[in-house]
Amino acid sequence: MAAMAPQFSVEFFPPRTEAGRGKLDRVHEELTTLGVDSFSVTYGAGGSTKESTKSIVLDYNAAGSEVAPHLSSTGQDIDVAGDLLNDYRDAGIRRLVVLRGDTPPGQQRASKGFYARDLVEFVRRHSGDHFHIKVACYPDLHPETPNHALEIKYFRQKIDAGANSAITQYFYNADSYFRFVDSCREAGIDVPIVPGIMPITNFDKLSAFSDKCGAKIPDWLASRLAGFGDDEAGLRRYGDEVVSELCGRLLEGGAPGLHFYSLNQAGPVRRIWENLGLSGSR
């Protein structure tokens, strides 16, 4: 049986202004022309952007794109979640990204909360096998998980609850991904695990976000990026080179595709795409 061709997806977040939405529409059009297979749209802390998420998902789906809305368990009202699932199903949406999600600013996370696995179970009870459910996993550990054994355990719970595939948090060490996949296979987790890819465009912002989400920037890379100082163009060129090499190694090693955290920008994704020689091949 021939192996499936790698699948490439891009993540968007809902803009908060009309101008931002207009820009995102142009980004979506450019990446569609490029040959991206599918898109996903984030949900915001506690579902704070759920209406914007729904609007973007339905609009881009109507335009012919395959779109996976994010759905988060934190702060989630089950009745609202059920209504969303009904609307997505009626519109022909077939994929979801189900996450625990961030705690809204100013709120404490409950010690016994509603986790991603619980939301996966709810989706399955509500909609059966209609949706292909993607969940998150963390080669470099979730910031609240103390060790890799627990990371694998929590990931396995989401798969056992009914998830079909996973997207990783971003990373910059390919070996971390391959070791994580090997550990998952040893634990009986056999679903596709797609690497999450974060282009490098601003070192300060990347460092701050990585500290928050638990993604590791290797010391050699952090040192080199810091050395660019105010040379934004030089940092961008070097970042494109590093991330393109990472993507190439992942694909050569058998990764089932790539998921780009685009930050609603087409340029970084397009440059990496071209470096990988994907233009004209899709």
C-alpha atoms as a PDB file:
ATOM      1  CA  MET A   1       0.000   0.000   0.000  1.00  0.00           C
ATOM      2  CA  ALA A   2       1.490   3.335  -1.039  1.00  0.00           C
ATOM      3  CA  ALA A   3       2.227   5.854   1.709  1.00  0.00           C
ATOM      4  CA  MET A   4       0.011   8.912   1.815  1.00  0.00           C
ATOM      5  CA  ALA A   5       1.516  12.144   0.568  1.00  0.00           C
ATOM      6  CA  PRO A   6       2.379  14.590   3.371  1.00  0.00           C
ATOM      7  CA  GLN A   7      -0.447  16.930   4.282  1.00  0.00           C
ATOM      8  CA  PHE A   8       0.200  20.599   5.025  1.00  0.00           C
ATOM      9  CA  SER A   9      -2.042  22.742   7.223  1.00  0.00           C
ATOM     10  CA  VAL A  10      -1.930  26.330   8.449  1.00  0.00           C
ATOM     11  CA  GLU A  11      -3.334  27.748  11.673  1.00  0.00           C
ATOM     12  CA  PHE A  12      -5.028  31.156  11.904  1.00  0.00           C
ATOM     13  CA  PHE A  13      -6.354  33.140  14.848  1.00  0.00           C
ATOM     14  CA  PRO A  14      -9.488  35.315  14.641  1.00  0.00           C
ATOM     15  CA  PRO A  15      -8.567  39.007  14.171  1.00  0.00           C
ATOM     16  CA  ARG A  16     -10.284  41.520  16.434  1.00  0.00           C
ATOM     17  CA  THR A  17     -10.783  44.243  13.801  1.00  0.00           C
ATOM     18  CA  GLU A  18     -12.331  44.482  10.348  1.00  0.00           C
ATOM     19  CA  ALA A  19      -8.948  45.482   8.916  1.00  0.00           C
ATOM     20  CA  GLY A  20      -7.389  42.400  10.480  1.00  0.00           C
ATOM     21  CA  ARG A  21     -10.087  40.213   8.986  1.00  0.00           C
ATOM     22  CA  GLY A  22      -9.512  41.731   5.554  1.00  0.00           C
ATOM     23  CA  LYS A  23      -5.795  40.991   5.854  1.00  0.00           C
ATOM     24  CA  LEU A  24      -6.516  37.418   6.942  1.00  0.00           C
ATOM     25  CA  ASP A  25      -8.784  36.906   3.933  1.00  0.00           C
ATOM     26  CA  ARG A  26      -5.885  37.898   1.676  1.00  0.00           C
ATOM     27  CA  VAL A  27      -3.509  35.591   3.557  1.00  0.00           C
ATOM     28  CA  HIS A  28      -5.967  32.721   3.205  1.00  0.00           C
ATOM     29  CA  GLU A  29      -6.287  33.338  -0.516  1.00  0.00           C
ATOM     30  CA  GLU A  30      -2.503  33.451  -1.005  1.00  0.00           C
ATOM     31  CA  LEU A  31      -1.902  30.236   0.917  1.00  0.00           C
ATOM     32  CA  THR A  32      -4.751  28.484  -0.875  1.00  0.00           C
ATOM     33  CA  THR A  33      -3.121  29.402  -4.178  1.00  0.00           C
ATOM     34  CA  LEU A  34       0.163  28.083  -2.811  1.00  0.00           C
ATOM     35  CA  GLY A  35      -1.358  24.638  -2.360  1.00  0.00           C
ATOM     36  CA  VAL A  36      -1.929  24.309   1.398  1.00  0.00           C
ATOM     37  CA  ASP A  37      -4.223  21.350   2.074  1.00  0.00           C
ATOM     38  CA  SER A  38      -6.223  22.686   5.014  1.00  0.00           C
ATOM     39  CA  PHE A  39      -6.548  25.368   7.656  1.00  0.00           C
ATOM     40  CA  SER A  40      -7.490  25.567  11.322  1.00  0.00           C
ATOM     41  CA  VAL A  41      -8.864  28.503  13.304  1.00  0.00           C
ATOM     42  CA  THR A  42      -8.201  29.014  17.004  1.00  0.00           C
ATOM     43  CA  TYR A  43     -10.901  29.569  19.604  1.00  0.00           C
ATOM     44  CA  GLY A  44      -9.437  32.078  22.076  1.00  0.00           C
ATOM     45  CA  ALA A  45      -9.044  31.872  25.835  1.00  0.00           C
ATOM     46  CA  GLY A  46     -12.188  30.292  27.234  1.00  0.00           C
ATOM     47  CA  GLY A  47     -13.826  30.503  23.827  1.00  0.00           C
ATOM     48  CA  SER A  48     -13.554  34.316  23.860  1.00  0.00           C
ATOM     49  CA  THR A  49     -13.426  34.504  20.057  1.00  0.00           C
ATOM     50  CA  LYS A  50     -15.900  31.715  19.348  1.00  0.00           C
ATOM     51  CA  GLU A  51     -18.189  33.803  17.140  1.00  0.00           C
ATOM     52  CA  SER A  52     -15.272  35.079  15.065  1.00  0.00           C
ATOM     53  CA  THR A  53     -13.918  31.545  14.823  1.00  0.00           C
ATOM     54  CA  LYS A  54     -17.247  30.275  13.554  1.00  0.00           C
ATOM     55  CA  SER A  55     -17.570  33.095  10.995  1.00  0.00           C
ATOM     56  CA  ILE A  56     -14.107  32.481   9.550  1.00  0.00           C
ATOM     57  CA  VAL A  57     -14.570  28.710   9.469  1.00  0.00           C
ATOM     58  CA  LEU A  58     -17.913  28.879   7.692  1.00  0.00           C
ATOM     59  CA  ASP A  59     -16.737  31.542   5.226  1.00  0.00           C
ATOM     60  CA  TYR A  60     -13.563  29.714   4.236  1.00  0.00           C
ATOM     61  CA  ASN A  61     -15.415  26.409   4.080  1.00  0.00           C
ATOM     62  CA  ALA A  62     -17.956  28.003   1.731  1.00  0.00           C
ATOM     63  CA  ALA A  63     -15.041  29.246  -0.394  1.00  0.00           C
ATOM     64  CA  GLY A  64     -13.912  25.654  -0.888  1.00  0.00           C
ATOM     65  CA  SER A  65     -11.207  25.252   1.767  1.00  0.00           C
ATOM     66  CA  GLU A  66     -11.006  22.386   4.209  1.00  0.00           C
ATOM     67  CA  VAL A  67     -11.158  24.088   7.609  1.00  0.00           C
ATOM     68  CA  ALA A  68     -10.934  22.677  11.127  1.00  0.00           C
ATOM     69  CA  PRO A  69     -12.345  24.872  13.881  1.00  0.00           C
ATOM     70  CA  HIS A  70     -10.673  24.706  17.271  1.00  0.00           C
ATOM     71  CA  LEU A  71     -12.870  23.862  20.236  1.00  0.00           C
ATOM     72  CA  SER A  72     -11.540  24.292  23.774  1.00  0.00           C
ATOM     73  CA  SER A  73     -12.767  22.760  27.000  1.00  0.00           C
ATOM     74  CA  THR A  74     -11.746  25.595  29.340  1.00  0.00           C
ATOM     75  CA  GLY A  75     -14.763  27.752  30.179  1.00  0.00           C
ATOM     76  CA  GLN A  76     -16.853  25.762  27.748  1.00  0.00           C
ATOM     77  CA  ASP A  77     -20.653  25.667  28.001  1.00  0.00           C
ATOM     78  CA  ILE A  78     -21.722  22.233  26.824  1.00  0.00           C
ATOM     79  CA  ASP A  79     -24.971  23.514  25.312  1.00  0.00           C
ATOM     80  CA  VAL A  80     -22.995  26.086  23.301  1.00  0.00           C
ATOM     81  CA  ALA A  81     -20.541  23.403  22.240  1.00  0.00           C
ATOM     82  CA  GLY A  82     -23.399  21.196  21.080  1.00  0.00           C
ATOM     83  CA  ASP A  83     -24.904  24.028  19.051  1.00  0.00           C
ATOM     84  CA  LEU A  84     -21.531  24.717  17.439  1.00  0.00           C
ATOM     85  CA  LEU A  85     -21.126  21.066  16.523  1.00  0.00           C
ATOM     86  CA  ASN A  86     -24.577  21.071  14.950  1.00  0.00           C
ATOM     87  CA  ASP A  87     -23.758  24.174  12.899  1.00  0.00           C
ATOM     88  CA  TYR A  88     -20.407  22.795  11.768  1.00  0.00           C
ATOM     89  CA  ARG A  89     -21.906  19.436  10.860  1.00  0.00           C
ATOM     90  CA  ASP A  90     -24.705  21.102   8.900  1.00  0.00           C
ATOM     91  CA  ALA A  91     -22.123  23.156   6.991  1.00  0.00           C
ATOM     92  CA  GLY A  92     -20.179  20.045   6.010  1.00  0.00           C
ATOM     93  CA  ILE A  93     -17.234  20.600   8.341  1.00  0.00           C
ATOM     94  CA  ARG A  94     -15.530  17.262   8.921  1.00  0.00           C
ATOM     95  CA  ARG A  95     -12.540  18.126  11.133  1.00  0.00           C
ATOM     96  CA  LEU A  96     -12.056  19.605  14.605  1.00  0.00           C
ATOM     97  CA  VAL A  97      -9.061  20.530  16.718  1.00  0.00           C
ATOM     98  CA  VAL A  98     -10.028  19.801  20.334  1.00  0.00           C
ATOM     99  CA  LEU A  99      -7.889  21.363  23.069  1.00  0.00           C
ATOM    100  CA  ARG A 100      -8.052  22.175  26.758  1.00  0.00           C
ATOM    101  CA  GLY A 101      -7.323  25.790  25.889  1.00  0.00           C
ATOM    102  CA  ASP A 102      -5.922  28.710  27.846  1.00  0.00           C
ATOM    103  CA  THR A 103      -7.442  30.088  30.998  1.00  0.00           C
ATOM    104  CA  PRO A 104      -8.968  33.553  30.371  1.00  0.00           C
ATOM    105  CA  PRO A 105      -6.832  36.408  31.751  1.00  0.00           C
ATOM    106  CA  GLY A 106      -7.531  37.147  35.402  1.00  0.00           C
ATOM    107  CA  GLN A 107      -9.054  33.742  36.128  1.00  0.00           C
ATOM    108  CA  GLN A 108      -7.668  30.804  38.093  1.00  0.00           C
ATOM    109  CA  ARG A 109      -7.738  27.357  36.530  1.00  0.00           C
ATOM    110  CA  ALA A 110      -9.956  24.981  38.474  1.00  0.00           C
ATOM    111  CA  SER A 111      -8.045  22.166  40.176  1.00  0.00           C
ATOM    112  CA  LYS A 112     -10.499  19.676  38.700  1.00  0.00           C
ATOM    113  CA  GLY A 113     -11.375  21.042  35.328  1.00  0.00           C
ATOM    114  CA  PHE A 114     -12.955  19.909  32.097  1.00  0.00           C
ATOM    115  CA  TYR A 115     -10.047  18.579  30.058  1.00  0.00           C
ATOM    116  CA  ALA A 116      -9.494  17.975  26.378  1.00  0.00           C
ATOM    117  CA  ARG A 117     -10.187  14.266  26.760  1.00  0.00           C
ATOM    118  CA  ASP A 118     -13.597  15.122  28.281  1.00  0.00           C
ATOM    119  CA  LEU A 119     -14.424  17.334  25.314  1.00  0.00           C
ATOM    120  CA  VAL A 120     -13.319  14.600  22.891  1.00  0.00           C
ATOM    121  CA  GLU A 121     -15.689  12.203  24.655  1.00  0.00           C
ATOM    122  CA  PHE A 122     -18.481  14.768  24.429  1.00  0.00           C
ATOM    123  CA  VAL A 123     -17.948  15.259  20.690  1.00  0.00           C
ATOM    124  CA  ARG A 124     -18.102  11.512  20.145  1.00  0.00           C
ATOM    125  CA  ARG A 125     -21.309  11.175  22.188  1.00  0.00           C
ATOM    126  CA  HIS A 126     -22.859  14.118  20.378  1.00  0.00           C
ATOM    127  CA  SER A 127     -21.735  13.531  16.797  1.00  0.00           C
ATOM    128  CA  GLY A 128     -20.530   9.954  16.596  1.00  0.00           C
ATOM    129  CA  ASP A 129     -17.795   9.510  14.005  1.00  0.00           C
ATOM    130  CA  HIS A 130     -18.767  12.521  11.874  1.00  0.00           C
ATOM    131  CA  PHE A 131     -15.696  14.553  12.856  1.00  0.00           C
ATOM    132  CA  HIS A 132     -12.037  13.705  12.489  1.00  0.00           C
ATOM    133  CA  ILE A 133     -10.711  14.950  15.840  1.00  0.00           C
ATOM    134  CA  LYS A 134      -7.191  16.313  16.192  1.00  0.00           C
ATOM    135  CA  VAL A 135      -5.682  16.924  19.632  1.00  0.00           C
ATOM    136  CA  ALA A 136      -2.458  18.484  20.910  1.00  0.00           C
ATOM    137  CA  CYS A 137       0.686  16.746  22.128  1.00  0.00           C
ATOM    138  CA  TYR A 138       3.988  18.015  23.478  1.00  0.00           C
ATOM    139  CA  PRO A 139       7.400  16.573  22.516  1.00  0.00           C
ATOM    140  CA  ASP A 140       9.101  19.063  24.893  1.00  0.00           C
ATOM    141  CA  LEU A 141       6.449  18.609  27.629  1.00  0.00           C
ATOM    142  CA  HIS A 142       3.412  20.708  28.441  1.00  0.00           C
ATOM    143  CA  PRO A 143       4.453  23.371  30.991  1.00  0.00           C
ATOM    144  CA  GLU A 144       2.223  21.749  33.635  1.00  0.00           C
ATOM    145  CA  THR A 145       3.441  18.178  33.010  1.00  0.00           C
ATOM    146  CA  PRO A 146       6.484  17.136  35.079  1.00  0.00           C
ATOM    147  CA  ASN A 147       7.799  14.231  33.005  1.00  0.00           C
ATOM    148  CA  HIS A 148       7.511  12.419  29.685  1.00  0.00           C
ATOM    149  CA  ALA A 149       5.772   9.364  31.144  1.00  0.00           C
ATOM    150  CA  LEU A 150       2.831  11.529  32.242  1.00  0.00           C
ATOM    151  CA  GLU A 151       2.889  13.387  28.931  1.00  0.00           C
ATOM    152  CA  ILE A 152       2.425  10.095  27.087  1.00  0.00           C
ATOM    153  CA  LYS A 153      -0.260   9.015  29.571  1.00  0.00           C
ATOM    154  CA  TYR A 154      -2.311  12.175  29.080  1.00  0.00           C
ATOM    155  CA  PHE A 155      -1.920  11.979  25.305  1.00  0.00           C
ATOM    156  CA  ARG A 156      -3.043   8.343  25.348  1.00  0.00           C
ATOM    157  CA  GLN A 157      -6.165   9.323  27.297  1.00  0.00           C
ATOM    158  CA  LYS A 158      -7.180  11.719  24.521  1.00  0.00           C
ATOM    159  CA  ILE A 159      -6.669   9.046  21.881  1.00  0.00           C
ATOM    160  CA  ASP A 160      -8.609   6.476  23.911  1.00  0.00           C
ATOM    161  CA  ALA A 161     -11.418   9.040  24.229  1.00  0.00           C
ATOM    162  CA  GLY A 162     -11.784   9.069  20.443  1.00  0.00           C
ATOM    163  CA  ALA A 163      -9.187  11.396  18.889  1.00  0.00           C
ATOM    164  CA  ASN A 164      -7.946  10.446  15.411  1.00  0.00           C
ATOM    165  CA  SER A 165      -4.664  12.351  15.098  1.00  0.00           C
ATOM    166  CA  ALA A 166      -2.500  14.951  16.807  1.00  0.00           C
ATOM    167  CA  ILE A 167      -0.587  18.161  16.213  1.00  0.00           C
ATOM    168  CA  THR A 168       2.491  18.855  18.301  1.00  0.00           C
ATOM    169  CA  GLN A 169       3.510  22.026  20.050  1.00  0.00           C
ATOM    170  CA  TYR A 170       6.276  23.639  18.017  1.00  0.00           C
ATOM    171  CA  PHE A 171       9.914  22.709  18.619  1.00  0.00           C
ATOM    172  CA  TYR A 172      13.301  23.288  16.989  1.00  0.00           C
ATOM    173  CA  ASN A 173      14.996  19.947  17.655  1.00  0.00           C
ATOM    174  CA  ALA A 174      13.908  17.245  15.221  1.00  0.00           C
ATOM    175  CA  ASP A 175      15.256  14.542  17.540  1.00  0.00           C
ATOM    176  CA  SER A 176      12.726  15.604  20.177  1.00  0.00           C
ATOM    177  CA  TYR A 177       9.933  14.853  17.731  1.00  0.00           C
ATOM    178  CA  PHE A 178      11.318  11.504  16.613  1.00  0.00           C
ATOM    179  CA  ARG A 179      11.957  10.383  20.210  1.00  0.00           C
ATOM    180  CA  PHE A 180       8.440  11.420  21.179  1.00  0.00           C
ATOM    181  CA  VAL A 181       6.885   9.509  18.272  1.00  0.00           C
ATOM    182  CA  ASP A 182       8.927   6.405  19.168  1.00  0.00           C
ATOM    183  CA  SER A 183       7.706   6.644  22.779  1.00  0.00           C
ATOM    184  CA  CYS A 184       4.119   6.991  21.592  1.00  0.00           C
ATOM    185  CA  ARG A 185       4.407   3.922  19.375  1.00  0.00           C
ATOM    186  CA  GLU A 186       5.872   1.938  22.273  1.00  0.00           C
ATOM    187  CA  ALA A 187       2.855   3.004  24.357  1.00  0.00           C
ATOM    188  CA  GLY A 188       0.459   1.749  21.676  1.00  0.00           C
ATOM    189  CA  ILE A 189      -0.435   5.169  20.252  1.00  0.00           C
ATOM    190  CA  ASP A 190      -0.525   4.682  16.491  1.00  0.00           C
ATOM    191  CA  VAL A 191      -2.333   7.796  15.231  1.00  0.00           C
ATOM    192  CA  PRO A 192      -0.631  10.295  12.880  1.00  0.00           C
ATOM    193  CA  ILE A 193       1.405  12.858  14.835  1.00  0.00           C
ATOM    194  CA  VAL A 194       1.922  16.016  12.765  1.00  0.00           C
ATOM    195  CA  PRO A 195       4.783  18.352  13.754  1.00  0.00           C
ATOM    196  CA  GLY A 196       3.770  21.900  14.619  1.00  0.00           C
ATOM    197  CA  ILE A 197       6.050  24.456  12.955  1.00  0.00           C
ATOM    198  CA  MET A 198       6.613  28.010  14.197  1.00  0.00           C
ATOM    199  CA  PRO A 199       8.467  30.269  11.724  1.00  0.00           C
ATOM    200  CA  ILE A 200      11.044  32.584  13.321  1.00  0.00           C
ATOM    201  CA  THR A 201      10.429  36.280  12.684  1.00  0.00           C
ATOM    202  CA  ASN A 202      11.009  38.007  16.060  1.00  0.00           C
ATOM    203  CA  PHE A 203      13.281  36.604  18.762  1.00  0.00           C
ATOM    204  CA  ASP A 204      11.873  38.539  21.741  1.00  0.00           C
ATOM    205  CA  LYS A 205       8.278  37.542  20.989  1.00  0.00           C
ATOM    206  CA  LEU A 206       9.287  33.949  20.276  1.00  0.00           C
ATOM    207  CA  SER A 207      11.179  33.729  23.590  1.00  0.00           C
ATOM    208  CA  ALA A 208       8.278  35.133  25.591  1.00  0.00           C
ATOM    209  CA  PHE A 209       5.738  32.848  23.960  1.00  0.00           C
ATOM    210  CA  SER A 210       7.997  29.801  24.292  1.00  0.00           C
ATOM    211  CA  ASP A 211       8.440  30.442  28.014  1.00  0.00           C
ATOM    212  CA  LYS A 212       4.662  30.540  28.399  1.00  0.00           C
ATOM    213  CA  CYS A 213       3.805  27.434  26.382  1.00  0.00           C
ATOM    214  CA  GLY A 214       6.777  25.236  27.294  1.00  0.00           C
ATOM    215  CA  ALA A 215       8.383  25.059  23.847  1.00  0.00           C
ATOM    216  CA  LYS A 216      12.164  24.821  24.020  1.00  0.00           C
ATOM    217  CA  ILE A 217      14.531  26.984  21.998  1.00  0.00           C
ATOM    218  CA  PRO A 218      17.905  25.168  21.955  1.00  0.00           C
ATOM    219  CA  ASP A 219      20.762  27.181  23.477  1.00  0.00           C
ATOM    220  CA  TRP A 220      22.692  27.261  20.204  1.00  0.00           C
ATOM    221  CA  LEU A 221      19.681  28.706  18.390  1.00  0.00           C
ATOM    222  CA  ALA A 222      18.789  31.222  21.119  1.00  0.00           C
ATOM    223  CA  SER A 223      22.376  32.492  21.169  1.00  0.00           C
ATOM    224  CA  ARG A 224      22.494  32.891  17.405  1.00  0.00           C
ATOM    225  CA  LEU A 225      19.123  34.630  17.235  1.00  0.00           C
ATOM    226  CA  ALA A 226      20.015  37.018  20.053  1.00  0.00           C
ATOM    227  CA  GLY A 227      23.165  37.953  18.125  1.00  0.00           C
ATOM    228  CA  PHE A 228      21.130  39.540  15.334  1.00  0.00           C
ATOM    229  CA  GLY A 229      20.007  42.354  17.630  1.00  0.00           C
ATOM    230  CA  ASP A 230      18.070  44.897  15.558  1.00  0.00           C
ATOM    231  CA  ASP A 231      18.926  43.181  12.248  1.00  0.00           C
ATOM    232  CA  GLU A 232      15.380  41.993  11.547  1.00  0.00           C
ATOM    233  CA  ALA A 233      16.077  41.042   7.927  1.00  0.00           C
ATOM    234  CA  GLY A 234      19.116  38.970   8.905  1.00  0.00           C
ATOM    235  CA  LEU A 235      17.192  37.205  11.668  1.00  0.00           C
ATOM    236  CA  ARG A 236      14.358  36.469   9.269  1.00  0.00           C
ATOM    237  CA  ARG A 237      16.701  34.969   6.666  1.00  0.00           C
ATOM    238  CA  TYR A 238      18.452  32.842   9.259  1.00  0.00           C
ATOM    239  CA  GLY A 239      15.134  31.809  10.830  1.00  0.00           C
ATOM    240  CA  ASP A 240      13.807  30.738   7.442  1.00  0.00           C
ATOM    241  CA  GLU A 241      16.941  28.652   6.886  1.00  0.00           C
ATOM    242  CA  VAL A 242      16.784  26.931  10.280  1.00  0.00           C
ATOM    243  CA  VAL A 243      13.071  26.162  10.108  1.00  0.00           C
ATOM    244  CA  SER A 244      13.298  24.996   6.482  1.00  0.00           C
ATOM    245  CA  GLU A 245      16.088  22.575   7.413  1.00  0.00           C
ATOM    246  CA  LEU A 246      14.008  21.341  10.352  1.00  0.00           C
ATOM    247  CA  CYS A 247      10.993  20.762   8.099  1.00  0.00           C
ATOM    248  CA  GLY A 248      13.099  18.941   5.534  1.00  0.00           C
ATOM    249  CA  ARG A 249      14.501  16.594   8.142  1.00  0.00           C
ATOM    250  CA  LEU A 250      11.058  15.904   9.593  1.00  0.00           C
ATOM    251  CA  LEU A 251       9.592  15.044   6.206  1.00  0.00           C
ATOM    252  CA  GLU A 252      12.570  12.882   5.282  1.00  0.00           C
ATOM    253  CA  GLY A 253      12.183  11.066   8.593  1.00  0.00           C
ATOM    254  CA  GLY A 254       8.577  10.147   7.855  1.00  0.00           C
ATOM    255  CA  ALA A 255       6.482  12.903   9.432  1.00  0.00           C
ATOM    256  CA  PRO A 256       2.944  12.739   7.987  1.00  0.00           C
ATOM    257  CA  GLY A 257       2.926  16.438   7.176  1.00  0.00           C
ATOM    258  CA  LEU A 258       3.495  19.856   8.727  1.00  0.00           C
ATOM    259  CA  HIS A 259       1.197  22.226  10.619  1.00  0.00           C
ATOM    260  CA  PHE A 260       2.309  25.869  10.414  1.00  0.00           C
ATOM    261  CA  TYR A 261       1.539  28.319  13.206  1.00  0.00           C
ATOM    262  CA  SER A 262       1.253  31.247  10.815  1.00  0.00           C
ATOM    263  CA  LEU A 263       0.375  34.102  13.199  1.00  0.00           C
ATOM    264  CA  ASN A 264      -1.854  35.216  10.311  1.00  0.00           C
ATOM    265  CA  GLN A 265       1.124  35.900   8.045  1.00  0.00           C
ATOM    266  CA  ALA A 266       1.586  34.374   4.587  1.00  0.00           C
ATOM    267  CA  GLY A 267       5.206  35.403   4.008  1.00  0.00           C
ATOM    268  CA  PRO A 268       7.022  33.089   6.456  1.00  0.00           C
ATOM    269  CA  VAL A 269       4.971  30.067   5.391  1.00  0.00           C
ATOM    270  CA  ARG A 270       5.486  30.877   1.710  1.00  0.00           C
ATOM    271  CA  ARG A 271       9.276  31.249   2.081  1.00  0.00           C
ATOM    272  CA  ILE A 272       9.613  27.920   3.911  1.00  0.00           C
ATOM    273  CA  TRP A 273       7.304  26.314   1.354  1.00  0.00           C
ATOM    274  CA  GLU A 274       9.541  27.510  -1.462  1.00  0.00           C
ATOM    275  CA  ASN A 275      12.708  26.412   0.350  1.00  0.00           C
ATOM    276  CA  LEU A 276      11.235  22.919   0.630  1.00  0.00           C
ATOM    277  CA  GLY A 277      10.615  22.854  -3.115  1.00  0.00           C
ATOM    278  CA  LEU A 278       6.879  22.451  -2.718  1.00  0.00           C
ATOM    279  CA  SER A 279       5.879  25.201  -5.138  1.00  0.00           C
ATOM    280  CA  GLY A 280       4.396  23.692  -8.268  1.00  0.00           C
ATOM    281  CA  SER A 281       4.361  20.195  -6.767  1.00  0.00           C
ATOM    282  CA  ARG A 282       0.944  20.320  -5.151  1.00  0.00           C
END
